[in-house]
Amino acid sequence: MIRAATLEDVPTLVSMVRQFAAESYYQTVITVQEDQIASLVTSLIERDDALLMVSERDQVTGMIGMVVYPHPLSDELVSAEVFWW
């Protein structure tokens, strides 16, 4: 099942984002901070211009976080992924 993430999912999603970062290019260029991940995940859940969806089979198995923002060159609204895993 695919559903919108909830605040109850935050601890699981923080762990998943840490794993995502550790297995990606990010591990070579940034130091991932758990409190920053929790803030990001919470923000994606609560904001009207963001989206955080999870896949679930008895437990959360995947995620995608997206944001909508004005493009710096045109001011048109565009969307971009923050992470997916």
Protein backbone atom coordinates (compact mmCIF):
# COMPACT_ATOMS: atom_id res chain seq x y z
CA MET A 1 0.00 0.00 0.00
CA ILE A 2 1.15 3.55 -0.72
CA ARG A 3 0.03 6.23 1.70
CA ALA A 4 0.92 9.65 3.01
CA ALA A 5 3.47 9.54 5.81
CA THR A 6 2.33 10.52 9.30
CA LEU A 7 4.15 11.91 12.31
CA GLU A 8 4.09 8.39 13.79
CA ASP A 9 6.36 7.34 10.90
CA VAL A 10 9.08 9.88 11.73
CA PRO A 11 11.39 7.54 13.74
CA THR A 12 11.26 4.86 11.03
CA LEU A 13 11.79 7.42 8.27
CA VAL A 14 14.76 8.99 10.07
CA SER A 15 16.38 5.56 10.17
CA MET A 16 15.61 4.97 6.49
CA VAL A 17 17.00 8.36 5.43
CA ARG A 18 20.19 7.63 7.40
CA GLN A 19 20.53 4.32 5.50
CA PHE A 20 19.74 6.06 2.19
CA ALA A 21 22.45 8.66 2.83
CA ALA A 22 24.97 6.01 3.91
CA GLU A 23 24.44 4.04 0.71
CA SER A 24 24.51 7.02 -1.65
CA TYR A 25 26.88 9.70 -2.88
CA TYR A 26 25.87 11.84 0.10
CA GLN A 27 28.17 9.82 2.38
CA THR A 28 31.18 11.30 0.58
CA VAL A 29 30.15 14.95 0.68
CA ILE A 30 28.11 15.68 3.82
CA THR A 31 27.80 14.64 7.44
CA VAL A 32 24.22 13.56 7.99
CA GLN A 33 22.68 14.88 11.22
CA GLU A 34 19.81 12.88 12.74
CA ASP A 35 18.09 15.98 14.18
CA GLN A 36 18.19 17.63 10.76
CA ILE A 37 16.68 14.52 9.16
CA ALA A 38 13.85 14.50 11.73
CA SER A 39 13.21 18.19 11.05
CA LEU A 40 13.16 17.59 7.29
CA VAL A 41 10.85 14.58 7.51
CA THR A 42 8.46 16.42 9.83
CA SER A 43 8.48 19.43 7.52
CA LEU A 44 7.67 17.31 4.47
CA ILE A 45 4.71 15.80 6.34
CA GLU A 46 3.34 19.10 7.65
CA ARG A 47 3.92 21.56 4.79
CA ASP A 48 1.34 22.25 2.10
CA ASP A 49 4.06 22.63 -0.55
CA ALA A 50 5.69 19.26 0.15
CA LEU A 51 4.84 15.59 0.06
CA LEU A 52 6.13 12.51 1.83
CA MET A 53 4.69 9.18 0.77
CA VAL A 54 5.57 5.72 2.05
CA SER A 55 5.07 2.20 0.79
CA GLU A 56 4.00 -0.30 3.39
CA ARG A 57 3.73 -4.08 3.71
CA ASP A 58 3.27 -4.76 7.42
CA GLN A 59 5.92 -2.07 7.91
CA VAL A 60 7.26 0.92 6.00
CA THR A 61 9.39 -0.39 3.13
CA GLY A 62 9.99 2.68 0.97
CA MET A 63 9.59 6.44 0.79
CA ILE A 64 9.65 9.46 -1.50
CA GLY A 65 9.88 13.06 -0.38
CA MET A 66 9.05 15.94 -2.74
CA VAL A 67 8.90 19.73 -2.55
CA VAL A 68 7.25 22.37 -4.70
CA TYR A 69 9.06 25.69 -5.07
CA PRO A 70 9.32 28.68 -7.40
CA HIS A 71 12.06 28.03 -9.96
CA PRO A 72 14.88 30.56 -9.47
CA LEU A 73 15.04 31.44 -13.19
CA SER A 74 11.35 31.71 -14.01
CA ASP A 75 9.41 31.86 -10.75
CA GLU A 76 7.22 29.05 -12.13
CA LEU A 77 6.24 26.39 -9.61
CA VAL A 78 8.22 23.19 -10.09
CA SER A 79 8.63 20.06 -8.03
CA ALA A 80 11.73 18.11 -7.11
CA GLU A 81 12.47 14.99 -5.17
CA VAL A 82 14.31 15.35 -1.89
CA PHE A 83 14.92 11.61 -1.58
CA TRP A 84 13.45 8.30 -2.64
CA TRP A 85 14.30 4.84 -1.43
